[in-house]
Amino acid sequence: VEFMSRAAVVSCSSWPASNYVTIFNSTDTPARTDLTDYSRLVLGLRFTTPVAGNVTAVRFFKARSEGGTDHTANIYEWSSGKLLATSDYVNDAVCTGGQWVSIPLSPPLATSVGTEYVVALDSLLYYAKSDVFDMSGKAGRPVVPTVGGAVYSFRSGHMPKDAASYTANYWIDGEHHRDKGTAGITQRTPCS
């Protein structure tokens, strides 16, 4: 589990982040970072949280060729398809490809134990992917990916429901704070 606490000089869009947990470590990287289907995609990952808290940002590994495209981060409830949180990221040119990028949620999304969510990123032309990634090794964390939970859609603005191959991973997750408050939260920049 990677617990992070960062303070950085704010030089562009910034948002709160401290003591958060993610599915993927900042050193985890995809097998392929420059795929395209030549149309806009919505890519996502299903997850649960065994501890209550807040998702404060959606994180994704930005493809090397993904330029200044705007993105929309969404979190849905899997069972109902209800949109629970959304955030637009309109300054994508700030972060170069080939690194983790976070899109803040304001307000943060309060999570409930046992509820399955979908964290999704809309308007991707280029994306990162691993065809074989063992999600079972991520079990036991405060944010637990659903094994076989990588999903996609070609319909912008809709929850991705189509399952990718059982072992695929699109490198999208959320920043989960276990605490309910905002005390001690520092500011950081979107590119990590």
C-alpha atoms as a PDB file:
ATOM      1  CA  VAL A   1       0.000   0.000   0.000  1.00  0.00           C
ATOM      2  CA  GLU A   2       1.368   3.359  -0.945  1.00  0.00           C
ATOM      3  CA  PHE A   3       0.487   6.095   1.540  1.00  0.00           C
ATOM      4  CA  MET A   4       1.411   9.490   0.180  1.00  0.00           C
ATOM      5  CA  SER A   5       1.813  12.896   1.669  1.00  0.00           C
ATOM      6  CA  ARG A   6       3.138  15.592  -0.634  1.00  0.00           C
ATOM      7  CA  ALA A   7       3.630  19.300  -0.571  1.00  0.00           C
ATOM      8  CA  ALA A   8       4.657  21.021  -3.770  1.00  0.00           C
ATOM      9  CA  VAL A   9       4.914  24.508  -5.164  1.00  0.00           C
ATOM     10  CA  VAL A  10       1.618  25.182  -6.879  1.00  0.00           C
ATOM     11  CA  SER A  11       2.365  26.244 -10.440  1.00  0.00           C
ATOM     12  CA  CYS A  12      -0.838  25.125 -12.171  1.00  0.00           C
ATOM     13  CA  SER A  13      -4.181  23.590 -11.219  1.00  0.00           C
ATOM     14  CA  SER A  14      -3.829  22.094  -7.766  1.00  0.00           C
ATOM     15  CA  TRP A  15      -5.962  20.335  -5.212  1.00  0.00           C
ATOM     16  CA  PRO A  16      -5.767  18.688  -1.805  1.00  0.00           C
ATOM     17  CA  ALA A  17      -3.883  15.449  -1.288  1.00  0.00           C
ATOM     18  CA  SER A  18      -2.298  13.863   1.734  1.00  0.00           C
ATOM     19  CA  ASN A  19      -2.342  10.473   3.351  1.00  0.00           C
ATOM     20  CA  TYR A  20      -4.208   8.965   0.421  1.00  0.00           C
ATOM     21  CA  VAL A  21      -4.128   5.402  -0.823  1.00  0.00           C
ATOM     22  CA  THR A  22      -4.243   4.257  -4.443  1.00  0.00           C
ATOM     23  CA  ILE A  23      -4.575   0.886  -6.151  1.00  0.00           C
ATOM     24  CA  PHE A  24      -1.374   1.378  -8.102  1.00  0.00           C
ATOM     25  CA  ASN A  25       1.920   2.610  -6.710  1.00  0.00           C
ATOM     26  CA  SER A  26       3.452   5.661  -8.370  1.00  0.00           C
ATOM     27  CA  THR A  27       6.238   3.378  -9.637  1.00  0.00           C
ATOM     28  CA  ASP A  28       3.792   0.954 -11.331  1.00  0.00           C
ATOM     29  CA  THR A  29       3.827   1.416 -15.093  1.00  0.00           C
ATOM     30  CA  PRO A  30       1.839  -0.105 -17.961  1.00  0.00           C
ATOM     31  CA  ALA A  31       3.192  -2.548 -20.514  1.00  0.00           C
ATOM     32  CA  ARG A  32       2.013  -0.303 -23.368  1.00  0.00           C
ATOM     33  CA  THR A  33       1.586   3.467 -23.148  1.00  0.00           C
ATOM     34  CA  ASP A  34       0.518   4.537 -26.613  1.00  0.00           C
ATOM     35  CA  LEU A  35      -2.514   2.600 -27.805  1.00  0.00           C
ATOM     36  CA  THR A  36      -5.361   4.075 -29.839  1.00  0.00           C
ATOM     37  CA  ASP A  37      -8.616   2.859 -31.351  1.00  0.00           C
ATOM     38  CA  TYR A  38      -8.856   6.109 -33.398  1.00  0.00           C
ATOM     39  CA  SER A  39     -12.022   7.143 -31.584  1.00  0.00           C
ATOM     40  CA  ARG A  40     -12.752   8.598 -28.174  1.00  0.00           C
ATOM     41  CA  LEU A  41     -13.069   6.051 -25.379  1.00  0.00           C
ATOM     42  CA  VAL A  42     -14.337   5.843 -21.829  1.00  0.00           C
ATOM     43  CA  LEU A  43     -12.068   3.550 -19.822  1.00  0.00           C
ATOM     44  CA  GLY A  44     -12.494   2.491 -16.230  1.00  0.00           C
ATOM     45  CA  LEU A  45     -11.909   0.140 -13.345  1.00  0.00           C
ATOM     46  CA  ARG A  46     -14.344  -1.351 -10.852  1.00  0.00           C
ATOM     47  CA  PHE A  47     -13.326  -1.190  -7.163  1.00  0.00           C
ATOM     48  CA  THR A  48     -14.562  -1.460  -3.578  1.00  0.00           C
ATOM     49  CA  THR A  49     -13.321   0.013  -0.307  1.00  0.00           C
ATOM     50  CA  PRO A  50     -13.250  -2.076   2.894  1.00  0.00           C
ATOM     51  CA  VAL A  51     -12.921   1.164   4.908  1.00  0.00           C
ATOM     52  CA  ALA A  52     -15.061   4.289   4.634  1.00  0.00           C
ATOM     53  CA  GLY A  53     -13.439   7.474   3.401  1.00  0.00           C
ATOM     54  CA  ASN A  54     -13.357   9.884   0.473  1.00  0.00           C
ATOM     55  CA  VAL A  55     -12.127   9.653  -3.105  1.00  0.00           C
ATOM     56  CA  THR A  56     -10.524  13.038  -3.716  1.00  0.00           C
ATOM     57  CA  ALA A  57      -9.128  12.538  -7.232  1.00  0.00           C
ATOM     58  CA  VAL A  58      -9.142  10.218 -10.235  1.00  0.00           C
ATOM     59  CA  ARG A  59      -5.683   9.119 -11.351  1.00  0.00           C
ATOM     60  CA  PHE A  60      -4.609   7.781 -14.733  1.00  0.00           C
ATOM     61  CA  PHE A  61      -1.362   6.923 -16.462  1.00  0.00           C
ATOM     62  CA  LYS A  62      -1.246   9.365 -19.354  1.00  0.00           C
ATOM     63  CA  ALA A  63      -0.314   7.888 -22.736  1.00  0.00           C
ATOM     64  CA  ARG A  64       2.793   9.346 -24.336  1.00  0.00           C
ATOM     65  CA  SER A  65       0.891  10.627 -27.403  1.00  0.00           C
ATOM     66  CA  GLU A  66      -2.063  12.070 -25.469  1.00  0.00           C
ATOM     67  CA  GLY A  67      -1.626  15.792 -26.042  1.00  0.00           C
ATOM     68  CA  GLY A  68      -3.653  18.705 -24.754  1.00  0.00           C
ATOM     69  CA  THR A  69      -6.936  16.801 -24.801  1.00  0.00           C
ATOM     70  CA  ASP A  70      -9.486  17.638 -22.125  1.00  0.00           C
ATOM     71  CA  HIS A  71     -10.713  14.765 -19.956  1.00  0.00           C
ATOM     72  CA  THR A  72     -13.683  14.127 -17.706  1.00  0.00           C
ATOM     73  CA  ALA A  73     -13.213  11.968 -14.626  1.00  0.00           C
ATOM     74  CA  ASN A  74     -16.306  10.181 -13.340  1.00  0.00           C
ATOM     75  CA  ILE A  75     -17.161   7.796 -10.535  1.00  0.00           C
ATOM     76  CA  TYR A  76     -20.291   5.647 -10.826  1.00  0.00           C
ATOM     77  CA  GLU A  77     -22.044   3.163  -8.589  1.00  0.00           C
ATOM     78  CA  TRP A  78     -21.648  -0.152 -10.441  1.00  0.00           C
ATOM     79  CA  SER A  79     -24.992  -1.742  -9.526  1.00  0.00           C
ATOM     80  CA  SER A  80     -27.188   1.214 -10.528  1.00  0.00           C
ATOM     81  CA  GLY A  81     -24.984   3.029 -13.051  1.00  0.00           C
ATOM     82  CA  LYS A  82     -25.658   6.258 -11.139  1.00  0.00           C
ATOM     83  CA  LEU A  83     -23.093   9.026 -11.651  1.00  0.00           C
ATOM     84  CA  LEU A  84     -21.788   9.960  -8.181  1.00  0.00           C
ATOM     85  CA  ALA A  85     -18.926  12.366  -8.915  1.00  0.00           C
ATOM     86  CA  THR A  86     -17.481  14.146 -11.931  1.00  0.00           C
ATOM     87  CA  SER A  87     -14.678  16.562 -12.697  1.00  0.00           C
ATOM     88  CA  ASP A  88     -13.400  18.145 -15.898  1.00  0.00           C
ATOM     89  CA  TYR A  89      -9.692  18.474 -16.510  1.00  0.00           C
ATOM     90  CA  VAL A  90      -9.198  21.211 -19.105  1.00  0.00           C
ATOM     91  CA  ASN A  91      -5.496  21.935 -18.847  1.00  0.00           C
ATOM     92  CA  ASP A  92      -4.094  18.600 -19.955  1.00  0.00           C
ATOM     93  CA  ALA A  93      -1.171  20.141 -21.818  1.00  0.00           C
ATOM     94  CA  VAL A  94       0.429  20.896 -18.425  1.00  0.00           C
ATOM     95  CA  CYS A  95       1.304  17.221 -17.901  1.00  0.00           C
ATOM     96  CA  THR A  96       3.360  15.385 -20.495  1.00  0.00           C
ATOM     97  CA  GLY A  97       2.597  11.782 -21.407  1.00  0.00           C
ATOM     98  CA  GLY A  98       4.225   8.779 -19.820  1.00  0.00           C
ATOM     99  CA  GLN A  99       3.379   9.645 -16.197  1.00  0.00           C
ATOM    100  CA  TRP A 100       0.614   9.496 -13.605  1.00  0.00           C
ATOM    101  CA  VAL A 101      -1.845  12.415 -13.710  1.00  0.00           C
ATOM    102  CA  SER A 102      -4.567  13.194 -11.134  1.00  0.00           C
ATOM    103  CA  ILE A 103      -7.874  14.974 -11.694  1.00  0.00           C
ATOM    104  CA  PRO A 104      -9.367  16.433  -8.490  1.00  0.00           C
ATOM    105  CA  LEU A 105     -12.935  15.824  -7.365  1.00  0.00           C
ATOM    106  CA  SER A 106     -14.594  18.737  -5.621  1.00  0.00           C
ATOM    107  CA  PRO A 107     -16.303  17.913  -3.413  1.00  0.00           C
ATOM    108  CA  PRO A 108     -14.693  14.538  -2.681  1.00  0.00           C
ATOM    109  CA  LEU A 109     -16.876  11.434  -3.002  1.00  0.00           C
ATOM    110  CA  ALA A 110     -17.678   9.741   0.314  1.00  0.00           C
ATOM    111  CA  THR A 111     -17.326   5.966  -0.096  1.00  0.00           C
ATOM    112  CA  SER A 112     -19.236   3.241   1.711  1.00  0.00           C
ATOM    113  CA  VAL A 113     -17.909  -0.146   2.756  1.00  0.00           C
ATOM    114  CA  GLY A 114     -19.044  -2.909   0.395  1.00  0.00           C
ATOM    115  CA  THR A 115     -20.310  -0.672  -2.420  1.00  0.00           C
ATOM    116  CA  GLU A 116     -18.763  -1.362  -5.822  1.00  0.00           C
ATOM    117  CA  TYR A 117     -17.755   1.716  -7.802  1.00  0.00           C
ATOM    118  CA  VAL A 118     -16.428   2.407 -11.301  1.00  0.00           C
ATOM    119  CA  VAL A 119     -13.727   5.037 -11.664  1.00  0.00           C
ATOM    120  CA  ALA A 120     -13.693   6.170 -15.306  1.00  0.00           C
ATOM    121  CA  LEU A 121     -11.973   8.589 -17.629  1.00  0.00           C
ATOM    122  CA  ASP A 122     -13.847  10.005 -20.623  1.00  0.00           C
ATOM    123  CA  SER A 123     -12.441  11.375 -23.912  1.00  0.00           C
ATOM    124  CA  LEU A 124      -9.323   9.319 -24.326  1.00  0.00           C
ATOM    125  CA  LEU A 125      -7.886   8.987 -27.809  1.00  0.00           C
ATOM    126  CA  TYR A 126      -4.601   7.442 -26.682  1.00  0.00           C
ATOM    127  CA  TYR A 127      -4.364   5.275 -23.592  1.00  0.00           C
ATOM    128  CA  ALA A 128      -2.149   2.996 -21.543  1.00  0.00           C
ATOM    129  CA  LYS A 129      -2.911  -0.698 -21.147  1.00  0.00           C
ATOM    130  CA  SER A 130      -1.535  -3.952 -19.890  1.00  0.00           C
ATOM    131  CA  ASP A 131      -3.148  -7.016 -21.449  1.00  0.00           C
ATOM    132  CA  VAL A 132      -1.997  -9.204 -18.564  1.00  0.00           C
ATOM    133  CA  PHE A 133      -1.954  -7.610 -15.113  1.00  0.00           C
ATOM    134  CA  ASP A 134      -2.593  -9.636 -11.954  1.00  0.00           C
ATOM    135  CA  MET A 135      -5.090  -7.569  -9.933  1.00  0.00           C
ATOM    136  CA  SER A 136      -5.261 -10.262  -7.235  1.00  0.00           C
ATOM    137  CA  GLY A 137      -1.924  -8.979  -5.956  1.00  0.00           C
ATOM    138  CA  LYS A 138      -3.677  -5.690  -5.106  1.00  0.00           C
ATOM    139  CA  ALA A 139      -6.180  -7.373  -2.726  1.00  0.00           C
ATOM    140  CA  GLY A 140      -5.986  -6.477   0.953  1.00  0.00           C
ATOM    141  CA  ARG A 141      -5.521  -2.764   0.287  1.00  0.00           C
ATOM    142  CA  PRO A 142      -7.847   0.000   1.499  1.00  0.00           C
ATOM    143  CA  VAL A 143      -8.935   0.340  -2.155  1.00  0.00           C
ATOM    144  CA  VAL A 144      -9.555  -3.063  -3.753  1.00  0.00           C
ATOM    145  CA  PRO A 145      -9.838  -3.492  -7.540  1.00  0.00           C
ATOM    146  CA  THR A 146     -12.410  -5.974  -8.804  1.00  0.00           C
ATOM    147  CA  VAL A 147     -10.480  -8.817 -10.426  1.00  0.00           C
ATOM    148  CA  GLY A 148     -11.445  -8.678 -14.111  1.00  0.00           C
ATOM    149  CA  GLY A 149     -12.885  -5.200 -13.473  1.00  0.00           C
ATOM    150  CA  ALA A 150     -11.355  -3.257 -16.380  1.00  0.00           C
ATOM    151  CA  VAL A 151     -14.261  -1.809 -18.399  1.00  0.00           C
ATOM    152  CA  TYR A 152     -14.671   0.354 -21.490  1.00  0.00           C
ATOM    153  CA  SER A 153     -17.247   2.109 -23.654  1.00  0.00           C
ATOM    154  CA  PHE A 154     -17.261   3.900 -26.990  1.00  0.00           C
ATOM    155  CA  ARG A 155     -20.166   6.076 -25.761  1.00  0.00           C
ATOM    156  CA  SER A 156     -18.926   9.306 -24.214  1.00  0.00           C
ATOM    157  CA  GLY A 157     -20.797  10.358 -21.098  1.00  0.00           C
ATOM    158  CA  HIS A 158     -21.868   6.831 -20.162  1.00  0.00           C
ATOM    159  CA  MET A 159     -20.609   4.442 -17.521  1.00  0.00           C
ATOM    160  CA  PRO A 160     -18.286   1.921 -19.164  1.00  0.00           C
ATOM    161  CA  LYS A 161     -19.922  -1.528 -18.839  1.00  0.00           C
ATOM    162  CA  ASP A 162     -18.163  -3.634 -21.449  1.00  0.00           C
ATOM    163  CA  ALA A 163     -15.639  -5.922 -19.801  1.00  0.00           C
ATOM    164  CA  ALA A 164     -12.125  -5.986 -21.179  1.00  0.00           C
ATOM    165  CA  SER A 165     -10.265  -9.275 -21.114  1.00  0.00           C
ATOM    166  CA  TYR A 166     -10.152 -10.796 -17.630  1.00  0.00           C
ATOM    167  CA  THR A 167      -6.541  -9.759 -17.043  1.00  0.00           C
ATOM    168  CA  ALA A 168      -6.542  -6.322 -18.741  1.00  0.00           C
ATOM    169  CA  ASN A 169      -5.786  -3.074 -16.962  1.00  0.00           C
ATOM    170  CA  TYR A 170      -6.276   0.476 -18.287  1.00  0.00           C
ATOM    171  CA  TRP A 171      -4.272   2.153 -15.482  1.00  0.00           C
ATOM    172  CA  ILE A 172      -7.020   4.270 -13.932  1.00  0.00           C
ATOM    173  CA  ASP A 173      -7.728   4.492 -10.201  1.00  0.00           C
ATOM    174  CA  GLY A 174      -8.718   6.899  -7.441  1.00  0.00           C
ATOM    175  CA  GLU A 175      -7.018   8.632  -4.543  1.00  0.00           C
ATOM    176  CA  HIS A 176      -8.784   7.400  -1.392  1.00  0.00           C
ATOM    177  CA  HIS A 177      -8.518   9.203   1.949  1.00  0.00           C
ATOM    178  CA  ARG A 178      -9.511   7.101   4.934  1.00  0.00           C
ATOM    179  CA  ASP A 179     -10.359  10.126   7.060  1.00  0.00           C
ATOM    180  CA  LYS A 180     -13.613  12.065   6.682  1.00  0.00           C
ATOM    181  CA  GLY A 181     -12.197  15.534   7.188  1.00  0.00           C
ATOM    182  CA  THR A 182      -9.777  17.787   5.360  1.00  0.00           C
ATOM    183  CA  ALA A 183      -7.457  18.654   8.264  1.00  0.00           C
ATOM    184  CA  GLY A 184      -3.790  18.484   7.344  1.00  0.00           C
ATOM    185  CA  ILE A 185      -4.385  18.305   3.603  1.00  0.00           C
ATOM    186  CA  THR A 186      -1.703  20.004   1.559  1.00  0.00           C
ATOM    187  CA  GLN A 187      -1.652  21.272  -2.014  1.00  0.00           C
ATOM    188  CA  ARG A 188       0.154  19.606  -4.924  1.00  0.00           C
ATOM    189  CA  THR A 189       0.350  19.835  -8.682  1.00  0.00           C
ATOM    190  CA  PRO A 190      -1.467  17.408 -11.022  1.00  0.00           C
ATOM    191  CA  CYS A 191       1.578  15.678 -12.512  1.00  0.00           C
ATOM    192  CA  SER A 192       3.418  13.189 -10.351  1.00  0.00           C
END
